[in-house]
Amino acid sequence: MRLFAAVFFVVLAWGLAWGSEAAMAQGYCPFVAFCDAQHYHCYRNCGALTDVVAWPARPPFLQQCSYGCERQLNRCMYRAVRWCR
């Protein structure tokens, strides 16, 4: 039973690695898709938090939050590009 589990795990890992390489060869990178989704959620969170912040502090808060989202996206994309070569 252990041998079957080990072989199954190796075949599964090989299949995932081969499948992701084939997808990346066609121009799709799952890491970039993850960064895009994370960026989208960050902006949604900024929008939701902006509704809670009082008006005089709202524009600077939104600017700071948006800047944080952009920095997060840049860090994520830098790592994703290294993995998607």
PDB file of N, CA and C in Angstrom:
ATOM      1  N   MET A   1       0.817  -1.192   0.000  1.00  0.00           N
ATOM      2  CA  MET A   1       0.000   0.000   0.000  1.00  0.00           C
ATOM      3  C   MET A   1       0.866   1.263   0.000  1.00  0.00           C
ATOM      4  N   ARG A   2       1.977   1.219   0.729  1.00  0.00           N
ATOM      5  CA  ARG A   2       2.878   2.372   0.748  1.00  0.00           C
ATOM      6  C   ARG A   2       3.499   2.604  -0.625  1.00  0.00           C
ATOM      7  N   LEU A   3       3.824   1.508  -1.297  1.00  0.00           N
ATOM      8  CA  LEU A   3       4.403   1.629  -2.633  1.00  0.00           C
ATOM      9  C   LEU A   3       3.398   2.273  -3.584  1.00  0.00           C
ATOM     10  N   PHE A   4       2.145   1.854  -3.497  1.00  0.00           N
ATOM     11  CA  PHE A   4       1.110   2.440  -4.353  1.00  0.00           C
ATOM     12  C   PHE A   4       0.969   3.933  -4.069  1.00  0.00           C
ATOM     13  N   ALA A   5       0.961   4.317  -2.798  1.00  0.00           N
ATOM     14  CA  ALA A   5       0.836   5.730  -2.431  1.00  0.00           C
ATOM     15  C   ALA A   5       2.032   6.524  -2.935  1.00  0.00           C
ATOM     16  N   ALA A   6       3.221   5.964  -2.823  1.00  0.00           N
ATOM     17  CA  ALA A   6       4.421   6.659  -3.274  1.00  0.00           C
ATOM     18  C   ALA A   6       4.408   6.830  -4.794  1.00  0.00           C
ATOM     19  N   VAL A   7       4.047   5.777  -5.511  1.00  0.00           N
ATOM     20  CA  VAL A   7       3.989   5.854  -6.970  1.00  0.00           C
ATOM     21  C   VAL A   7       2.911   6.839  -7.403  1.00  0.00           C
ATOM     22  N   PHE A   8       1.770   6.800  -6.741  1.00  0.00           N
ATOM     23  CA  PHE A   8       0.688   7.713  -7.074  1.00  0.00           C
ATOM     24  C   PHE A   8       1.117   9.161  -6.860  1.00  0.00           C
ATOM     25  N   PHE A   9       1.793   9.430  -5.765  1.00  0.00           N
ATOM     26  CA  PHE A   9       2.252  10.784  -5.476  1.00  0.00           C
ATOM     27  C   PHE A   9       3.273  11.252  -6.514  1.00  0.00           C
ATOM     28  N   VAL A  10       4.191  10.405  -6.882  1.00  0.00           N
ATOM     29  CA  VAL A  10       5.208  10.767  -7.874  1.00  0.00           C
ATOM     30  C   VAL A  10       4.556  11.035  -9.232  1.00  0.00           C
ATOM     31  N   VAL A  11       3.625  10.192  -9.631  1.00  0.00           N
ATOM     32  CA  VAL A  11       2.943  10.382 -10.917  1.00  0.00           C
ATOM     33  C   VAL A  11       2.104  11.659 -10.882  1.00  0.00           C
ATOM     34  N   LEU A  12       1.443  11.913  -9.779  1.00  0.00           N
ATOM     35  CA  LEU A  12       0.646  13.120  -9.644  1.00  0.00           C
ATOM     36  C   LEU A  12       1.529  14.363  -9.700  1.00  0.00           C
ATOM     37  N   ALA A  13       2.630  14.353  -8.980  1.00  0.00           N
ATOM     38  CA  ALA A  13       3.546  15.495  -8.993  1.00  0.00           C
ATOM     39  C   ALA A  13       4.121  15.711 -10.393  1.00  0.00           C
ATOM     40  N   TRP A  14       4.486  14.635 -11.070  1.00  0.00           N
ATOM     41  CA  TRP A  14       5.018  14.760 -12.419  1.00  0.00           C
ATOM     42  C   TRP A  14       3.958  15.331 -13.353  1.00  0.00           C
ATOM     43  N   GLY A  15       2.732  14.857 -13.235  1.00  0.00           N
ATOM     44  CA  GLY A  15       1.647  15.343 -14.082  1.00  0.00           C
ATOM     45  C   GLY A  15       1.357  16.818 -13.842  1.00  0.00           C
ATOM     46  N   LEU A  16       1.374  17.251 -12.587  1.00  0.00           N
ATOM     47  CA  LEU A  16       1.147  18.665 -12.295  1.00  0.00           C
ATOM     48  C   LEU A  16       2.282  19.528 -12.831  1.00  0.00           C
ATOM     49  N   ALA A  17       3.501  19.061 -12.662  1.00  0.00           N
ATOM     50  CA  ALA A  17       4.645  19.832 -13.156  1.00  0.00           C
ATOM     51  C   ALA A  17       4.621  19.908 -14.681  1.00  0.00           C
ATOM     52  N   TRP A  18       4.346  18.803 -15.333  1.00  0.00           N
ATOM     53  CA  TRP A  18       4.304  18.801 -16.788  1.00  0.00           C
ATOM     54  C   TRP A  18       3.145  19.643 -17.294  1.00  0.00           C
ATOM     55  N   GLY A  19       2.003  19.540 -16.641  1.00  0.00           N
ATOM     56  CA  GLY A  19       0.838  20.314 -17.060  1.00  0.00           C
ATOM     57  C   GLY A  19       1.048  21.805 -16.885  1.00  0.00           C
ATOM     58  N   SER A  20       1.687  22.208 -15.792  1.00  0.00           N
ATOM     59  CA  SER A  20       1.921  23.639 -15.585  1.00  0.00           C
ATOM     60  C   SER A  20       2.959  24.162 -16.568  1.00  0.00           C
ATOM     61  N   GLU A  21       3.961  23.353 -16.905  1.00  0.00           N
ATOM     62  CA  GLU A  21       4.952  23.779 -17.899  1.00  0.00           C
ATOM     63  C   GLU A  21       4.308  23.915 -19.269  1.00  0.00           C
ATOM     64  N   ALA A  22       3.418  23.002 -19.599  1.00  0.00           N
ATOM     65  CA  ALA A  22       2.734  23.084 -20.892  1.00  0.00           C
ATOM     66  C   ALA A  22       1.841  24.324 -20.937  1.00  0.00           C
ATOM     67  N   ALA A  23       1.180  24.628 -19.821  1.00  0.00           N
ATOM     68  CA  ALA A  23       0.325  25.819 -19.783  1.00  0.00           C
ATOM     69  C   ALA A  23       1.170  27.080 -19.894  1.00  0.00           C
ATOM     70  N   MET A  24       2.320  27.107 -19.226  1.00  0.00           N
ATOM     71  CA  MET A  24       3.180  28.282 -19.295  1.00  0.00           C
ATOM     72  C   MET A  24       3.773  28.445 -20.697  1.00  0.00           C
ATOM     73  N   ALA A  25       4.004  27.325 -21.388  1.00  0.00           N
ATOM     74  CA  ALA A  25       4.535  27.404 -22.745  1.00  0.00           C
ATOM     75  C   ALA A  25       3.513  28.035 -23.688  1.00  0.00           C
ATOM     76  N   GLN A  26       2.241  27.925 -23.348  1.00  0.00           N
ATOM     77  CA  GLN A  26       1.186  28.519 -24.163  1.00  0.00           C
ATOM     78  C   GLN A  26       0.881  29.952 -23.743  1.00  0.00           C
ATOM     79  N   GLY A  27       1.639  30.494 -22.802  1.00  0.00           N
ATOM     80  CA  GLY A  27       1.458  31.884 -22.405  1.00  0.00           C
ATOM     81  C   GLY A  27       0.657  32.083 -21.145  1.00  0.00           C
ATOM     82  N   TYR A  28       0.147  31.037 -20.537  1.00  0.00           N
ATOM     83  CA  TYR A  28      -0.626  31.174 -19.305  1.00  0.00           C
ATOM     84  C   TYR A  28       0.271  30.862 -18.122  1.00  0.00           C
ATOM     85  N   CYS A  29       0.257  31.719 -17.145  1.00  0.00           N
ATOM     86  CA  CYS A  29       1.035  31.479 -15.934  1.00  0.00           C
ATOM     87  C   CYS A  29       0.093  31.580 -14.736  1.00  0.00           C
ATOM     88  N   PRO A  30      -0.085  30.513 -13.985  1.00  0.00           N
ATOM     89  CA  PRO A  30      -1.013  30.560 -12.854  1.00  0.00           C
ATOM     90  C   PRO A  30      -0.579  31.546 -11.778  1.00  0.00           C
ATOM     91  N   PHE A  31       0.709  31.816 -11.677  1.00  0.00           N
ATOM     92  CA  PHE A  31       1.181  32.758 -10.669  1.00  0.00           C
ATOM     93  C   PHE A  31       0.743  34.181 -10.999  1.00  0.00           C
ATOM     94  N   VAL A  32       0.740  34.532 -12.272  1.00  0.00           N
ATOM     95  CA  VAL A  32       0.285  35.861 -12.690  1.00  0.00           C
ATOM     96  C   VAL A  32      -1.215  35.986 -12.441  1.00  0.00           C
ATOM     97  N   ALA A  33      -1.962  34.929 -12.701  1.00  0.00           N
ATOM     98  CA  ALA A  33      -3.396  34.946 -12.436  1.00  0.00           C
ATOM     99  C   ALA A  33      -3.658  35.139 -10.947  1.00  0.00           C
ATOM    100  N   PHE A  34      -2.846  34.508 -10.106  1.00  0.00           N
ATOM    101  CA  PHE A  34      -2.981  34.681  -8.662  1.00  0.00           C
ATOM    102  C   PHE A  34      -2.708  36.125  -8.272  1.00  0.00           C
ATOM    103  N   CYS A  35      -1.679  36.733  -8.851  1.00  0.00           N
ATOM    104  CA  CYS A  35      -1.356  38.133  -8.550  1.00  0.00           C
ATOM    105  C   CYS A  35      -2.492  39.058  -8.954  1.00  0.00           C
ATOM    106  N   ASP A  36      -3.077  38.799 -10.122  1.00  0.00           N
ATOM    107  CA  ASP A  36      -4.194  39.620 -10.578  1.00  0.00           C
ATOM    108  C   ASP A  36      -5.395  39.507  -9.637  1.00  0.00           C
ATOM    109  N   ALA A  37      -5.701  38.296  -9.200  1.00  0.00           N
ATOM    110  CA  ALA A  37      -6.819  38.101  -8.282  1.00  0.00           C
ATOM    111  C   ALA A  37      -6.551  38.779  -6.941  1.00  0.00           C
ATOM    112  N   GLN A  38      -5.321  38.664  -6.466  1.00  0.00           N
ATOM    113  CA  GLN A  38      -4.950  39.296  -5.205  1.00  0.00           C
ATOM    114  C   GLN A  38      -5.053  40.823  -5.320  1.00  0.00           C
ATOM    115  N   HIS A  39      -4.645  41.367  -6.439  1.00  0.00           N
ATOM    116  CA  HIS A  39      -4.727  42.808  -6.682  1.00  0.00           C
ATOM    117  C   HIS A  39      -6.187  43.271  -6.702  1.00  0.00           C
ATOM    118  N   TYR A  40      -7.032  42.517  -7.347  1.00  0.00           N
ATOM    119  CA  TYR A  40      -8.457  42.835  -7.407  1.00  0.00           C
ATOM    120  C   TYR A  40      -9.071  42.859  -6.006  1.00  0.00           C
ATOM    121  N   HIS A  41      -8.760  41.852  -5.202  1.00  0.00           N
ATOM    122  CA  HIS A  41      -9.304  41.790  -3.847  1.00  0.00           C
ATOM    123  C   HIS A  41      -8.767  42.921  -2.973  1.00  0.00           C
ATOM    124  N   CYS A  42      -7.548  43.309  -3.180  1.00  0.00           N
ATOM    125  CA  CYS A  42      -6.969  44.412  -2.418  1.00  0.00           C
ATOM    126  C   CYS A  42      -7.750  45.701  -2.695  1.00  0.00           C
ATOM    127  N   TYR A  43      -8.042  45.969  -3.957  1.00  0.00           N
ATOM    128  CA  TYR A  43      -8.809  47.173  -4.291  1.00  0.00           C
ATOM    129  C   TYR A  43     -10.237  47.097  -3.763  1.00  0.00           C
ATOM    130  N   ARG A  44     -10.817  45.921  -3.770  1.00  0.00           N
ATOM    131  CA  ARG A  44     -12.159  45.774  -3.190  1.00  0.00           C
ATOM    132  C   ARG A  44     -12.131  46.057  -1.699  1.00  0.00           C
ATOM    133  N   ASN A  45     -11.105  45.576  -1.011  1.00  0.00           N
ATOM    134  CA  ASN A  45     -10.976  45.847   0.419  1.00  0.00           C
ATOM    135  C   ASN A  45     -10.783  47.336   0.671  1.00  0.00           C
ATOM    136  N   CYS A  46      -9.999  48.003  -0.168  1.00  0.00           N
ATOM    137  CA  CYS A  46      -9.813  49.452  -0.024  1.00  0.00           C
ATOM    138  C   CYS A  46     -11.148  50.177  -0.158  1.00  0.00           C
ATOM    139  N   GLY A  47     -11.925  49.762  -1.139  1.00  0.00           N
ATOM    140  CA  GLY A  47     -13.226  50.386  -1.336  1.00  0.00           C
ATOM    141  C   GLY A  47     -14.157  50.168  -0.161  1.00  0.00           C
ATOM    142  N   ALA A  48     -14.149  48.968   0.387  1.00  0.00           N
ATOM    143  CA  ALA A  48     -15.003  48.677   1.539  1.00  0.00           C
ATOM    144  C   ALA A  48     -14.549  49.452   2.770  1.00  0.00           C
ATOM    145  N   LEU A  49     -13.248  49.552   2.971  1.00  0.00           N
ATOM    146  CA  LEU A  49     -12.748  50.287   4.132  1.00  0.00           C
ATOM    147  C   LEU A  49     -12.958  51.786   3.982  1.00  0.00           C
ATOM    148  N   THR A  50     -12.973  52.274   2.770  1.00  0.00           N
ATOM    149  CA  THR A  50     -13.182  53.702   2.541  1.00  0.00           C
ATOM    150  C   THR A  50     -14.567  54.131   3.024  1.00  0.00           C
ATOM    151  N   ASP A  51     -15.549  53.245   2.927  1.00  0.00           N
ATOM    152  CA  ASP A  51     -16.890  53.573   3.401  1.00  0.00           C
ATOM    153  C   ASP A  51     -16.926  53.793   4.912  1.00  0.00           C
ATOM    154  N   VAL A  52     -15.982  53.236   5.629  1.00  0.00           N
ATOM    155  CA  VAL A  52     -15.959  53.343   7.090  1.00  0.00           C
ATOM    156  C   VAL A  52     -15.191  54.581   7.554  1.00  0.00           C
ATOM    157  N   VAL A  53     -14.245  55.038   6.766  1.00  0.00           N
ATOM    158  CA  VAL A  53     -13.400  56.172   7.145  1.00  0.00           C
ATOM    159  C   VAL A  53     -14.188  57.473   6.973  1.00  0.00           C
ATOM    160  N   ALA A  54     -14.059  58.369   7.953  1.00  0.00           N
ATOM    161  CA  ALA A  54     -14.757  59.660   7.889  1.00  0.00           C
ATOM    162  C   ALA A  54     -14.240  60.484   6.713  1.00  0.00           C
ATOM    163  N   TRP A  55     -15.057  61.421   6.228  1.00  0.00           N
ATOM    164  CA  TRP A  55     -14.759  62.125   4.993  1.00  0.00           C
ATOM    165  C   TRP A  55     -13.442  62.897   4.983  1.00  0.00           C
ATOM    166  N   PRO A  56     -13.069  63.678   5.966  1.00  0.00           N
ATOM    167  CA  PRO A  56     -11.815  64.439   5.793  1.00  0.00           C
ATOM    168  C   PRO A  56     -10.587  63.547   5.606  1.00  0.00           C
ATOM    169  N   ALA A  57     -10.623  62.357   6.170  1.00  0.00           N
ATOM    170  CA  ALA A  57      -9.472  61.454   6.063  1.00  0.00           C
ATOM    171  C   ALA A  57      -9.614  60.459   4.908  1.00  0.00           C
ATOM    172  N   ARG A  58     -10.738  60.497   4.211  1.00  0.00           N
ATOM    173  CA  ARG A  58     -11.005  59.496   3.176  1.00  0.00           C
ATOM    174  C   ARG A  58     -10.050  59.573   1.983  1.00  0.00           C
ATOM    175  N   PRO A  59      -9.838  60.730   1.350  1.00  0.00           N
ATOM    176  CA  PRO A  59      -8.928  60.754   0.179  1.00  0.00           C
ATOM    177  C   PRO A  59      -7.495  60.314   0.501  1.00  0.00           C
ATOM    178  N   PRO A  60      -6.878  60.789   1.609  1.00  0.00           N
ATOM    179  CA  PRO A  60      -5.524  60.290   1.890  1.00  0.00           C
ATOM    180  C   PRO A  60      -5.499  58.791   2.199  1.00  0.00           C
ATOM    181  N   PHE A  61      -6.544  58.307   2.875  1.00  0.00           N
ATOM    182  CA  PHE A  61      -6.596  56.874   3.179  1.00  0.00           C
ATOM    183  C   PHE A  61      -6.696  56.062   1.897  1.00  0.00           C
ATOM    184  N   LEU A  62      -7.560  56.491   0.983  1.00  0.00           N
ATOM    185  CA  LEU A  62      -7.720  55.769  -0.276  1.00  0.00           C
ATOM    186  C   LEU A  62      -6.429  55.784  -1.087  1.00  0.00           C
ATOM    187  N   GLN A  63      -5.737  56.908  -1.075  1.00  0.00           N
ATOM    188  CA  GLN A  63      -4.471  56.995  -1.799  1.00  0.00           C
ATOM    189  C   GLN A  63      -3.436  56.060  -1.185  1.00  0.00           C
ATOM    190  N   GLN A  64      -3.356  56.025   0.138  1.00  0.00           N
ATOM    191  CA  GLN A  64      -2.384  55.150   0.812  1.00  0.00           C
ATOM    192  C   GLN A  64      -2.733  53.685   0.591  1.00  0.00           C
ATOM    193  N   CYS A  65      -4.022  53.361   0.650  1.00  0.00           N
ATOM    194  CA  CYS A  65      -4.446  51.975   0.455  1.00  0.00           C
ATOM    195  C   CYS A  65      -4.162  51.528  -0.986  1.00  0.00           C
ATOM    196  N   SER A  66      -4.455  52.388  -1.950  1.00  0.00           N
ATOM    197  CA  SER A  66      -4.196  52.054  -3.356  1.00  0.00           C
ATOM    198  C   SER A  66      -2.703  51.876  -3.610  1.00  0.00           C
ATOM    199  N   TYR A  67      -1.903  52.720  -2.987  1.00  0.00           N
ATOM    200  CA  TYR A  67      -0.448  52.587  -3.120  1.00  0.00           C
ATOM    201  C   TYR A  67       0.017  51.242  -2.560  1.00  0.00           C
ATOM    202  N   GLY A  68      -0.571  50.824  -1.439  1.00  0.00           N
ATOM    203  CA  GLY A  68      -0.237  49.513  -0.866  1.00  0.00           C
ATOM    204  C   GLY A  68      -0.601  48.378  -1.798  1.00  0.00           C
ATOM    205  N   CYS A  69      -1.736  48.509  -2.471  1.00  0.00           N
ATOM    206  CA  CYS A  69      -2.142  47.469  -3.432  1.00  0.00           C
ATOM    207  C   CYS A  69      -1.169  47.389  -4.598  1.00  0.00           C
ATOM    208  N   GLU A  70      -0.725  48.539  -5.073  1.00  0.00           N
ATOM    209  CA  GLU A  70       0.223  48.553  -6.192  1.00  0.00           C
ATOM    210  C   GLU A  70       1.571  47.960  -5.781  1.00  0.00           C
ATOM    211  N   ARG A  71       2.036  48.275  -4.588  1.00  0.00           N
ATOM    212  CA  ARG A  71       3.294  47.687  -4.108  1.00  0.00           C
ATOM    213  C   ARG A  71       3.176  46.178  -3.979  1.00  0.00           C
ATOM    214  N   GLN A  72       2.042  45.728  -3.463  1.00  0.00           N
ATOM    215  CA  GLN A  72       1.806  44.290  -3.314  1.00  0.00           C
ATOM    216  C   GLN A  72       1.794  43.618  -4.680  1.00  0.00           C
ATOM    217  N   LEU A  73       1.152  44.234  -5.661  1.00  0.00           N
ATOM    218  CA  LEU A  73       1.123  43.670  -7.009  1.00  0.00           C
ATOM    219  C   LEU A  73       2.521  43.617  -7.612  1.00  0.00           C
ATOM    220  N   ASN A  74       3.303  44.666  -7.436  1.00  0.00           N
ATOM    221  CA  ASN A  74       4.664  44.675  -7.981  1.00  0.00           C
ATOM    222  C   ASN A  74       5.522  43.577  -7.378  1.00  0.00           C
ATOM    223  N   ARG A  75       5.431  43.378  -6.067  1.00  0.00           N
ATOM    224  CA  ARG A  75       6.191  42.300  -5.423  1.00  0.00           C
ATOM    225  C   ARG A  75       5.751  40.943  -5.931  1.00  0.00           C
ATOM    226  N   CYS A  76       4.444  40.750  -6.052  1.00  0.00           N
ATOM    227  CA  CYS A  76       3.915  39.472  -6.508  1.00  0.00           C
ATOM    228  C   CYS A  76       4.332  39.198  -7.951  1.00  0.00           C
ATOM    229  N   MET A  77       4.229  40.198  -8.808  1.00  0.00           N
ATOM    230  CA  MET A  77       4.583  40.003 -10.214  1.00  0.00           C
ATOM    231  C   MET A  77       6.075  39.753 -10.388  1.00  0.00           C
ATOM    232  N   TYR A  78       6.886  40.387  -9.572  1.00  0.00           N
ATOM    233  CA  TYR A  78       8.336  40.157  -9.649  1.00  0.00           C
ATOM    234  C   TYR A  78       8.628  38.679  -9.382  1.00  0.00           C
ATOM    235  N   ARG A  79       7.962  38.125  -8.376  1.00  0.00           N
ATOM    236  CA  ARG A  79       8.169  36.698  -8.071  1.00  0.00           C
ATOM    237  C   ARG A  79       7.552  35.815  -9.149  1.00  0.00           C
ATOM    238  N   ALA A  80       6.390  36.209  -9.654  1.00  0.00           N
ATOM    239  CA  ALA A  80       5.697  35.384 -10.646  1.00  0.00           C
ATOM    240  C   ALA A  80       6.487  35.291 -11.942  1.00  0.00           C
ATOM    241  N   VAL A  81       7.097  36.392 -12.346  1.00  0.00           N
ATOM    242  CA  VAL A  81       7.868  36.391 -13.596  1.00  0.00           C
ATOM    243  C   VAL A  81       9.054  35.439 -13.484  1.00  0.00           C
ATOM    244  N   ARG A  82       9.651  35.382 -12.316  1.00  0.00           N
ATOM    245  CA  ARG A  82      10.783  34.456 -12.131  1.00  0.00           C
ATOM    246  C   ARG A  82      10.317  33.019 -12.248  1.00  0.00           C
ATOM    247  N   TRP A  83       9.096  32.700 -11.772  1.00  0.00           N
ATOM    248  CA  TRP A  83       8.610  31.333 -11.818  1.00  0.00           C
ATOM    249  C   TRP A  83       8.067  30.966 -13.199  1.00  0.00           C
ATOM    250  N   CYS A  84       7.676  31.941 -13.974  1.00  0.00           N
ATOM    251  CA  CYS A  84       7.006  31.656 -15.254  1.00  0.00           C
ATOM    252  C   CYS A  84       7.950  31.696 -16.455  1.00  0.00           C
ATOM    253  N   ARG A  85       9.199  31.672 -16.257  1.00  0.00           N
ATOM    254  CA  ARG A  85      10.126  31.696 -17.394  1.00  0.00           C
ATOM    255  C   ARG A  85      10.169  30.383 -18.094  1.00  0.00           C
TER     256      ARG A  85
END
